[in-house]
Protein backbone atom coordinates (compact mmCIF):
# COMPACT_ATOMS: atom_id res chain seq x y z
CA MET A 1 -74.87 26.34 -39.76
CA ASP A 2 -71.65 24.65 -39.54
CA LYS A 3 -69.82 23.84 -42.60
CA TYR A 4 -69.26 19.58 -41.98
CA TYR A 5 -71.16 17.80 -38.70
CA TYR A 6 -70.22 14.16 -37.30
CA GLN A 7 -72.78 10.66 -38.04
CA CYS A 8 -72.11 7.51 -36.28
CA PHE A 9 -71.72 4.56 -38.63
CA GLU A 10 -72.89 2.42 -36.14
CA CYS A 11 -76.15 3.83 -34.96
CA GLY A 12 -76.62 6.69 -37.62
CA LYS A 13 -76.84 9.33 -34.84
CA GLN A 14 -75.60 13.17 -35.78
CA TYR A 15 -73.26 15.78 -33.86
CA SER A 16 -71.93 18.82 -34.10
CA LYS A 17 -68.30 19.51 -34.80
CA ASP A 18 -68.61 21.38 -31.26
CA GLU A 19 -70.06 18.32 -29.44
CA ILE A 20 -67.24 16.23 -30.81
CA GLU A 21 -63.89 18.52 -30.93
CA ASN A 22 -64.39 20.56 -27.96
CA ASN A 23 -65.08 17.69 -25.77
CA LEU A 24 -62.34 15.59 -27.48
CA VAL A 25 -64.32 12.65 -28.12
CA TYR A 26 -63.62 10.11 -30.94
CA LEU A 27 -66.16 7.75 -30.82
CA CYS A 28 -69.94 7.86 -31.05
CA PRO A 29 -70.92 9.30 -27.40
CA SER A 30 -74.30 6.74 -27.77
CA CYS A 31 -73.23 3.45 -28.80
CA GLY A 32 -69.14 3.81 -29.49
CA SER A 33 -66.67 1.20 -27.41
CA VAL A 34 -63.20 0.14 -27.17
CA GLN A 35 -62.41 -3.22 -26.10
CA LYS A 36 -59.47 -5.18 -26.18
CA ASN A 37 -59.04 -7.23 -29.41
CA GLN A 38 -62.11 -5.99 -30.92
CA PRO A 39 -62.85 -3.89 -34.04
CA LEU A 40 -63.81 -0.78 -32.34
CA LYS A 41 -67.88 0.06 -31.99
CA GLY A 42 -69.04 3.23 -32.92
CA VAL A 43 -66.47 4.90 -35.59
CA LEU A 44 -67.45 8.39 -36.60
CA ASN A 45 -67.59 9.94 -40.04
CA ILE A 46 -67.83 13.48 -41.09
CA PHE A 47 -70.02 14.52 -43.68
CA TYR A 48 -70.70 18.19 -45.79
CA ASN A 49 -73.30 20.00 -47.30
CA TYR A 50 -72.70 18.42 -50.51
CA ALA A 51 -76.02 20.19 -52.39
CA GLU A 52 -74.47 23.56 -51.55
CA ILE A 53 -70.68 22.49 -52.73
CA LYS A 54 -72.18 20.87 -55.67
CA LYS A 55 -73.64 24.60 -56.49
CA GLN A 56 -70.21 26.65 -56.26
CA TYR A 57 -67.95 24.53 -57.52
CA SER A 58 -67.65 22.02 -60.40
CA ALA A 59 -65.29 19.13 -61.47
CA GLN A 60 -63.51 21.50 -63.82
CA ASP A 61 -62.55 23.85 -60.67
CA TYR A 62 -61.69 20.95 -58.91
CA LEU A 63 -59.29 19.34 -61.91
CA LYS A 64 -57.27 22.69 -62.11
CA LEU A 65 -55.96 22.25 -58.00
CA THR A 66 -52.53 20.62 -57.29
CA PRO A 67 -52.32 16.82 -55.71
CA GLY A 68 -51.10 16.88 -52.22
CA LYS A 69 -52.13 19.73 -51.30
CA PHE A 70 -55.81 18.80 -49.50
CA TRP A 71 -56.45 22.35 -48.05
CA LEU A 72 -57.01 24.29 -51.30
CA ALA A 73 -60.39 22.60 -51.01
CA ASP A 74 -61.06 23.44 -48.01
CA TYR A 75 -65.05 22.99 -48.45
CA LEU A 76 -64.22 19.19 -48.08
CA TYR A 77 -62.33 18.91 -44.82
CA PRO A 78 -62.96 19.45 -41.23
CA LEU A 79 -60.90 22.36 -40.70
CA GLU A 80 -60.89 26.44 -40.69
CA TYR A 81 -57.80 27.87 -42.73
CA ASP A 82 -58.42 31.22 -41.47
CA LYS A 83 -54.33 32.35 -40.48
CA ASN A 84 -55.81 33.59 -36.96
CA LYS A 85 -57.25 30.10 -36.38
CA LEU A 86 -53.86 28.39 -37.47
CA LYS A 87 -51.57 30.18 -34.95
CA ASN A 88 -48.43 29.12 -33.16
CA ILE A 89 -47.73 27.48 -36.48
CA PRO A 90 -44.98 28.51 -39.16
CA ASP A 91 -46.26 30.92 -42.35
CA ASN A 92 -45.64 28.08 -44.70
CA ALA A 93 -47.10 24.96 -42.64
CA LEU A 94 -49.44 24.09 -45.17
CA GLU A 95 -46.14 23.82 -47.70
CA LEU A 96 -44.29 22.03 -45.51
CA ILE A 97 -46.65 19.13 -45.03
CA SER A 98 -47.27 18.76 -48.99
CA LEU A 99 -47.46 15.60 -50.23
CA GLN A 100 -46.07 13.98 -53.36
CA SER A 101 -47.49 16.19 -56.62
CA ASN A 102 -47.72 13.81 -59.29
CA PRO A 103 -47.73 10.17 -57.88
CA LEU A 104 -49.17 8.28 -60.67
CA ILE A 105 -46.91 6.00 -62.72
CA GLU A 106 -47.74 3.70 -65.57
CA LEU A 107 -46.40 0.52 -64.80
CA ASP A 108 -46.88 -3.12 -66.81
CA TYR A 109 -46.84 -6.74 -65.23
CA ASN A 110 -46.28 -9.56 -68.31
CA GLY A 111 -48.54 -7.59 -70.89
CA THR A 112 -51.19 -6.04 -68.82
CA GLY A 113 -50.74 -2.35 -67.84
CA PHE A 114 -52.07 -0.85 -64.53
CA LEU A 115 -51.15 2.20 -62.91
CA ALA A 116 -49.52 2.82 -59.35
CA PHE A 117 -50.27 5.61 -57.47
CA ASP A 118 -46.77 6.03 -55.42
CA ASP A 119 -47.03 8.08 -52.10
CA THR A 120 -43.59 6.53 -51.01
CA ARG A 121 -42.41 10.14 -51.93
CA ASN A 122 -44.31 11.96 -49.29
CA PRO A 123 -42.63 14.10 -46.29
CA THR A 124 -42.19 10.95 -44.20
CA LEU A 125 -42.31 8.59 -47.21
CA SER A 126 -45.41 6.69 -46.40
CA PHE A 127 -49.42 7.25 -47.16
CA LYS A 128 -50.01 7.86 -43.29
CA ASP A 129 -48.69 11.25 -44.01
CA ARG A 130 -52.45 11.87 -45.55
CA ALA A 131 -53.65 11.17 -42.07
CA SER A 132 -51.24 12.80 -40.02
CA SER A 133 -51.23 16.16 -41.36
CA LEU A 134 -54.88 16.40 -40.86
CA VAL A 135 -55.07 15.28 -37.27
CA ALA A 136 -51.72 17.86 -36.80
CA LEU A 137 -53.28 20.68 -37.94
CA LYS A 138 -56.99 19.94 -36.25
CA ALA A 139 -54.38 19.72 -32.85
CA ILE A 140 -53.40 22.94 -33.63
CA GLN A 141 -56.52 24.16 -34.02
CA LEU A 142 -57.66 23.25 -30.96
CA GLY A 143 -54.89 24.34 -28.82
CA ILE A 144 -53.52 21.01 -28.10
CA THR A 145 -49.27 20.94 -28.58
CA LYS A 146 -49.16 16.90 -27.33
CA ILE A 147 -50.31 13.85 -30.31
CA ALA A 148 -50.10 9.96 -29.55
CA ALA A 149 -50.38 6.96 -31.58
CA ALA A 150 -50.07 3.92 -31.70
CA SER A 151 -48.06 2.21 -34.67
CA THR A 152 -46.73 -0.82 -36.33
CA GLY A 153 -43.96 1.81 -37.52
CA ASN A 154 -45.00 4.09 -40.31
CA ALA A 155 -48.34 5.87 -39.00
CA GLY A 156 -45.47 6.87 -36.03
CA SER A 157 -43.13 7.91 -38.39
CA SER A 158 -45.51 9.90 -40.10
CA LEU A 159 -47.14 11.74 -37.08
CA ALA A 160 -43.50 11.98 -35.48
CA GLY A 161 -42.08 13.62 -38.83
CA ILE A 162 -45.39 15.84 -39.31
CA CYS A 163 -44.98 17.29 -35.88
CA ALA A 164 -41.53 18.07 -35.93
CA ARG A 165 -42.34 19.88 -38.92
CA LEU A 166 -45.22 22.05 -37.62
CA GLY A 167 -43.06 22.43 -34.15
CA LEU A 168 -45.51 19.56 -32.03
CA LYS A 169 -44.69 17.03 -29.69
CA SER A 170 -45.39 13.45 -30.27
CA VAL A 171 -45.68 10.18 -28.14
CA ILE A 172 -45.82 6.97 -30.51
CA PHE A 173 -46.64 3.10 -28.84
CA VAL A 174 -45.10 0.44 -30.62
CA PRO A 175 -44.66 -3.06 -30.46
CA LYS A 176 -42.04 -5.15 -29.50
CA ASN A 177 -41.45 -6.64 -32.67
CA ILE A 178 -40.74 -3.20 -34.72
CA PRO A 179 -38.68 -3.00 -37.07
CA GLU A 180 -35.19 -1.46 -36.20
CA ALA A 181 -35.58 0.69 -39.41
CA LYS A 182 -38.84 2.18 -38.24
CA ARG A 183 -37.99 2.27 -34.74
CA ILE A 184 -34.91 4.80 -35.68
CA GLN A 185 -36.91 6.91 -37.85
CA ILE A 186 -39.63 7.71 -35.36
CA GLN A 187 -36.92 8.11 -32.61
CA SER A 188 -34.93 10.32 -35.29
CA PHE A 189 -38.24 12.84 -35.62
CA GLY A 190 -37.74 13.58 -31.57
CA ALA A 191 -40.93 11.50 -30.61
CA GLU A 192 -41.13 9.85 -27.29
CA VAL A 193 -41.17 6.13 -28.21
CA ILE A 194 -42.91 3.64 -25.93
CA ILE A 195 -42.58 -0.28 -26.53
CA VAL A 196 -45.16 -2.33 -25.27
CA ASN A 197 -44.01 -5.87 -24.42
CA GLY A 198 -46.49 -7.10 -26.91
CA ASN A 199 -48.17 -6.68 -30.39
CA TYR A 200 -49.60 -3.73 -32.05
CA ASP A 201 -52.83 -4.77 -30.84
CA LEU A 202 -51.34 -4.28 -27.07
CA ALA A 203 -49.98 -1.26 -28.60
CA PHE A 204 -53.28 0.57 -29.32
CA ASP A 205 -55.12 0.03 -26.36
CA THR A 206 -52.04 0.97 -24.11
CA CYS A 207 -51.83 4.00 -26.40
CA LEU A 208 -55.97 4.95 -25.59
CA GLU A 209 -55.31 4.60 -21.91
CA TYR A 210 -52.46 6.46 -21.64
CA SER A 211 -53.79 9.71 -24.15
CA ASN A 212 -57.09 9.79 -22.10
CA ILE A 213 -55.11 10.04 -18.78
CA ASN A 214 -52.70 13.04 -19.97
CA LYS A 215 -55.49 14.49 -22.43
CA TRP A 216 -53.08 14.28 -25.26
CA TYR A 217 -54.94 14.45 -28.56
CA ASN A 218 -55.32 10.69 -30.31
CA ARG A 219 -54.34 9.94 -33.47
CA ASN A 220 -54.95 6.03 -33.19
CA THR A 221 -56.31 4.96 -36.72
CA ALA A 222 -59.86 4.77 -37.13
CA TYR A 223 -60.41 5.69 -33.25
CA ASN A 224 -59.88 9.61 -34.73
CA PRO A 225 -62.03 10.26 -37.46
CA LEU A 226 -59.75 12.45 -38.71
CA THR A 227 -57.62 9.41 -39.96
CA ILE A 228 -60.24 8.23 -42.31
CA GLU A 229 -61.08 12.21 -43.20
CA GLY A 230 -57.24 12.53 -44.16
CA LYS A 231 -56.48 9.43 -46.32
CA LYS A 232 -59.54 10.44 -48.44
CA SER A 233 -57.65 13.00 -49.95
CA ALA A 234 -55.86 9.76 -51.77
CA ALA A 235 -59.33 9.88 -54.10
CA TYR A 236 -59.39 12.98 -54.80
CA ASP A 237 -55.71 12.79 -55.78
CA ILE A 238 -56.91 10.22 -58.09
CA PHE A 239 -59.41 12.40 -59.27
CA ILE A 240 -56.95 14.66 -60.64
CA THR A 241 -53.96 13.00 -61.65
CA THR A 242 -56.32 10.79 -63.51
CA GLU A 243 -58.10 13.85 -65.18
CA GLY A 244 -61.58 12.87 -63.59
CA ASN A 245 -61.12 9.30 -65.41
CA VAL A 246 -60.74 7.15 -62.52
CA PRO A 247 -59.63 3.97 -62.29
CA ASP A 248 -62.11 0.63 -62.36
CA ALA A 249 -60.70 -0.82 -59.49
CA VAL A 250 -57.72 -0.11 -57.27
CA PHE A 251 -55.85 -2.64 -55.46
CA VAL A 252 -55.51 -1.75 -51.40
CA PRO A 253 -53.25 -3.43 -49.10
CA VAL A 254 -55.55 -3.99 -45.77
CA GLY A 255 -54.02 -4.03 -42.38
CA ASP A 256 -56.60 -2.18 -39.61
CA GLY A 257 -58.75 -1.10 -42.46
CA VAL A 258 -58.84 2.57 -42.27
CA ILE A 259 -56.80 3.29 -45.70
CA ILE A 260 -59.67 1.42 -47.86
CA ALA A 261 -62.40 3.28 -45.89
CA GLY A 262 -61.10 6.54 -46.34
CA LEU A 263 -60.79 5.86 -50.22
CA TYR A 264 -64.25 4.79 -50.32
CA LYS A 265 -65.20 8.20 -48.24
CA GLY A 266 -63.77 10.02 -51.17
CA PHE A 267 -64.91 8.20 -53.81
CA TRP A 268 -68.37 8.36 -52.65
CA GLU A 269 -68.07 11.91 -52.30
CA LEU A 270 -66.63 12.22 -55.88
CA LYS A 271 -70.04 10.60 -56.75
CA GLU A 272 -72.16 12.19 -54.32
CA LEU A 273 -71.10 15.79 -56.04
CA GLY A 274 -71.72 13.99 -59.46
CA TRP A 275 -68.31 14.57 -60.31
CA ILE A 276 -67.79 10.67 -61.15
CA THR A 277 -70.37 8.20 -61.96
CA SER A 278 -68.99 5.22 -60.53
CA ILE A 279 -67.21 4.34 -57.50
CA PRO A 280 -63.84 1.86 -58.23
CA LYS A 281 -63.86 -1.78 -57.12
CA LEU A 282 -62.11 -1.51 -54.14
CA ILE A 283 -59.95 -4.63 -53.86
CA ALA A 284 -58.88 -5.35 -50.38
CA VAL A 285 -55.12 -7.28 -50.51
CA GLN A 286 -54.38 -9.02 -46.99
CA ALA A 287 -51.19 -10.74 -45.63
CA LYS A 288 -51.75 -14.79 -45.29
CA GLY A 289 -50.85 -14.46 -41.39
CA SER A 290 -53.19 -11.16 -40.92
CA SER A 291 -56.11 -11.56 -42.93
CA ALA A 292 -58.86 -10.82 -40.43
CA VAL A 293 -60.87 -8.61 -43.05
CA ALA A 294 -60.97 -11.11 -45.49
CA LYS A 295 -62.32 -13.79 -43.45
CA TYR A 296 -64.80 -11.49 -42.22
CA CYS A 297 -66.00 -11.03 -45.51
CA THR A 298 -66.36 -14.60 -46.01
CA ASN A 299 -67.94 -15.84 -43.05
CA LYS A 300 -69.47 -12.27 -41.22
CA LYS A 301 -67.96 -12.97 -37.89
CA PHE A 302 -64.80 -11.66 -36.26
CA LYS A 303 -62.34 -13.84 -34.39
CA TYR A 304 -58.96 -12.52 -32.77
CA ALA A 305 -55.90 -14.26 -33.87
CA PRO A 306 -52.28 -12.81 -33.19
CA THR A 307 -50.48 -12.06 -36.89
CA ASP A 308 -47.37 -13.27 -38.35
CA SER A 309 -46.79 -11.64 -41.74
CA ILE A 310 -43.51 -10.09 -42.86
CA ALA A 311 -45.50 -6.84 -44.27
CA ASP A 312 -45.85 -5.76 -40.48
CA SER A 313 -47.73 -2.40 -41.80
CA ILE A 314 -50.93 -4.24 -42.41
CA CYS A 315 -50.38 -6.70 -39.58
CA ALA A 316 -53.71 -6.26 -37.29
CA GLY A 317 -55.12 -8.97 -35.61
CA ALA A 318 -58.08 -6.83 -34.88
CA PRO A 319 -58.69 -4.48 -37.38
CA ARG A 320 -60.10 -1.42 -35.82
CA ASN A 321 -62.14 -0.08 -38.77
CA LEU A 322 -63.30 -3.29 -39.76
CA TYR A 323 -67.21 -3.09 -40.09
CA MET A 324 -66.08 0.46 -42.14
CA ALA A 325 -63.50 -1.79 -44.49
CA PHE A 326 -66.26 -4.52 -45.13
CA ASN A 327 -68.68 -1.70 -45.95
CA SER A 328 -66.03 -0.16 -48.56
CA ILE A 329 -65.60 -3.51 -49.76
CA VAL A 330 -69.23 -4.40 -50.30
CA LYS A 331 -70.67 -1.33 -51.34
CA SER A 332 -67.93 -0.77 -54.18
CA ASN A 333 -68.52 -4.28 -55.26
CA GLY A 334 -64.67 -5.60 -54.21
CA CYS A 335 -63.15 -8.26 -52.87
CA PRO A 336 -60.43 -9.71 -50.71
CA VAL A 337 -57.47 -11.10 -52.07
CA ILE A 338 -55.32 -13.15 -49.45
CA VAL A 339 -51.21 -13.43 -50.62
CA THR A 340 -48.19 -15.14 -48.78
CA ASP A 341 -45.09 -13.82 -47.60
CA ASN A 342 -43.17 -15.17 -50.01
CA GLU A 343 -45.58 -13.99 -52.73
CA ILE A 344 -45.09 -10.46 -51.10
CA LEU A 345 -41.25 -10.75 -51.26
CA SER A 346 -41.46 -11.91 -54.89
CA ALA A 347 -43.66 -9.00 -55.70
CA GLN A 348 -41.01 -6.53 -53.85
CA LYS A 349 -38.35 -7.85 -55.74
CA TYR A 350 -39.93 -7.57 -59.22
CA ALA A 351 -41.22 -4.19 -58.27
CA ALA A 352 -37.49 -2.66 -57.44
CA GLN A 353 -36.12 -4.66 -60.22
CA ASN A 354 -38.40 -3.96 -63.07
CA TYR A 355 -39.51 -0.70 -62.14
CA GLY A 356 -36.77 0.60 -60.03
CA ILE A 357 -39.40 1.34 -57.11
CA LEU A 358 -38.19 0.09 -54.01
CA ILE A 359 -41.43 -0.09 -52.01
CA GLU A 360 -42.02 -2.42 -48.37
CA PRO A 361 -43.84 -5.41 -48.20
CA SER A 362 -47.29 -3.85 -47.15
CA SER A 363 -46.97 -1.96 -50.85
CA ALA A 364 -45.57 -5.24 -52.46
CA ALA A 365 -48.77 -7.08 -50.93
CA SER A 366 -50.85 -4.61 -53.42
CA LEU A 367 -48.61 -6.18 -56.28
CA ALA A 368 -48.75 -9.42 -55.34
CA GLY A 369 -52.35 -9.41 -54.84
CA PHE A 370 -52.96 -7.67 -58.42
CA ILE A 371 -50.78 -10.82 -59.58
CA LYS A 372 -52.89 -12.94 -58.44
CA TYR A 373 -55.87 -11.59 -59.34
CA ASN A 374 -55.14 -11.10 -63.20
CA ASN A 375 -53.90 -14.42 -63.02
CA ALA A 376 -57.51 -15.20 -62.07
CA TYR A 377 -59.30 -13.20 -63.97
CA LYS A 378 -56.83 -11.83 -67.01
CA GLY A 379 -58.48 -8.83 -68.81
CA ILE A 380 -61.42 -8.45 -66.68
CA LEU A 381 -60.18 -5.04 -65.45
CA LYS A 382 -59.59 -2.11 -67.96
CA THR A 383 -57.80 0.51 -65.72
CA PRO A 384 -56.51 -1.10 -62.54
CA MET A 385 -54.88 0.83 -60.26
CA LEU A 386 -52.37 -0.09 -57.36
CA LEU A 387 -51.31 2.05 -54.27
CA PHE A 388 -48.02 1.86 -53.46
CA THR A 389 -48.20 3.15 -49.54
CA GLY A 390 -44.68 2.88 -48.09
CA ASN A 391 -41.16 3.06 -49.09
CA GLY A 392 -39.05 0.03 -49.10
CA LEU A 393 -36.37 1.62 -46.93
CA LYS A 394 -38.77 1.62 -44.14
CA ASP A 395 -37.66 -2.01 -43.33
CA THR A 396 -34.41 -3.30 -44.96
CA SER A 397 -35.19 -6.66 -42.84
CA ALA A 398 -37.36 -7.40 -45.55
CA LEU A 399 -34.99 -6.51 -48.32
CA ILE A 400 -32.31 -8.96 -46.58
CA LYS A 401 -34.14 -11.97 -46.93
CA TRP A 402 -34.18 -11.61 -51.09
CA ASN A 403 -30.75 -9.67 -51.77
CA LYS A 404 -27.50 -12.40 -51.11
CA LYS A 405 -24.54 -11.09 -49.38
CA ILE A 406 -21.58 -10.15 -51.35
CA LYS A 407 -18.00 -11.39 -50.32
CA PRO A 408 -15.36 -8.50 -51.25
CA LEU A 409 -13.24 -10.17 -54.31
CA SER A 410 -9.76 -9.96 -54.70
CA SER A 411 -7.39 -7.69 -56.85
CA ALA A 412 -6.66 -11.24 -58.45
CA ILE A 413 -10.05 -12.48 -59.22
CA LEU A 414 -11.10 -8.92 -59.99
CA LYS A 415 -8.76 -8.80 -62.79
CA LYS A 416 -9.80 -12.12 -64.10
CA LYS A 417 -13.39 -11.21 -63.78
CA PHE A 418 -13.34 -8.55 -65.62
CA HIS A 419 -10.39 -8.07 -67.87
CA GLY A 420 -10.81 -7.62 -71.18
CA LYS A 421 -14.72 -6.35 -70.45
CA LYS A 422 -15.75 -2.95 -71.26
């Protein structure tokens, strides 16, 4: 019996791993579909024999593991870790893609304490390394040497960097308005960068088209179910770093909806295994200029609209994992929070100058969302947690918006300014 199987989120049909993986199938063969500027239909989930896992492993066993090394619990991921099956990679390949081992930080905002889960120190400085690592290892196991992805920057940089570490090639499709700093990061890792004359949604569709033609392994978010599976590792790392005392709410920056779906999947598994008693509320924070998930939570209808926000990492006019993201919010008793670009930039500045943590706008969105939520419902959450998903140096153009230019000072002015001061 296989240790895992695939199941369609939409129609519930189950498929063996060989049916899906040997034929490079990504969406449900029965009902899956990709439509321009529309959420994906037939996204696949991966499930394991939880009853058997529960017999063999306990919460105490898992709590002894090191955060950031998901492969140590190979029974919960869709890979075989036999060295013979992970051929053609360096002996230290798994160590090369280790994630941040101490991501938890205790912080405070105006007297209200919260935990920050800081993934800005991962190999390529973003949360996206969780998905890229798993996808890259699967590609190697399948004998594939080239992986493609569409990205606004972080997923592309992540995939390019992880591929470089593991000796793989990457092709990254990006929108024409990608921040220059992120484009440079992707190119620096040796990826082939293709700029499409349009937004992220066009990059997503174009990437799918050319991946199918060229038989590249595709990392597109939600389209490849391993992206959801990789991001669930954050829930397990939260479980370890809180010593089993998971927060009562997690503020998640949301664009395509894969991070929040992955978190829910991880917490759902922890509860299924009996290792936690309840799933944290998942608070979906969206930028006002890209709030399709939040709007869907209100009216249960999707209507495509172009995006416009400083938080490019969570800009998605057509959230590809919309339905699973919505399910994650509802099933966790969470809710959406919408923040403006000014609130995001203000939160970014606050984090830098009060915590000494430089986060990009999408991460600052989670802080802005927490501030807005806390102002409305002060004290309702006992142990809130915020996801910091990307380093601020990934998008210096945002930092320029609130940092004034500094003019050079003459020697005379310097002496006058600092004379006599220690």
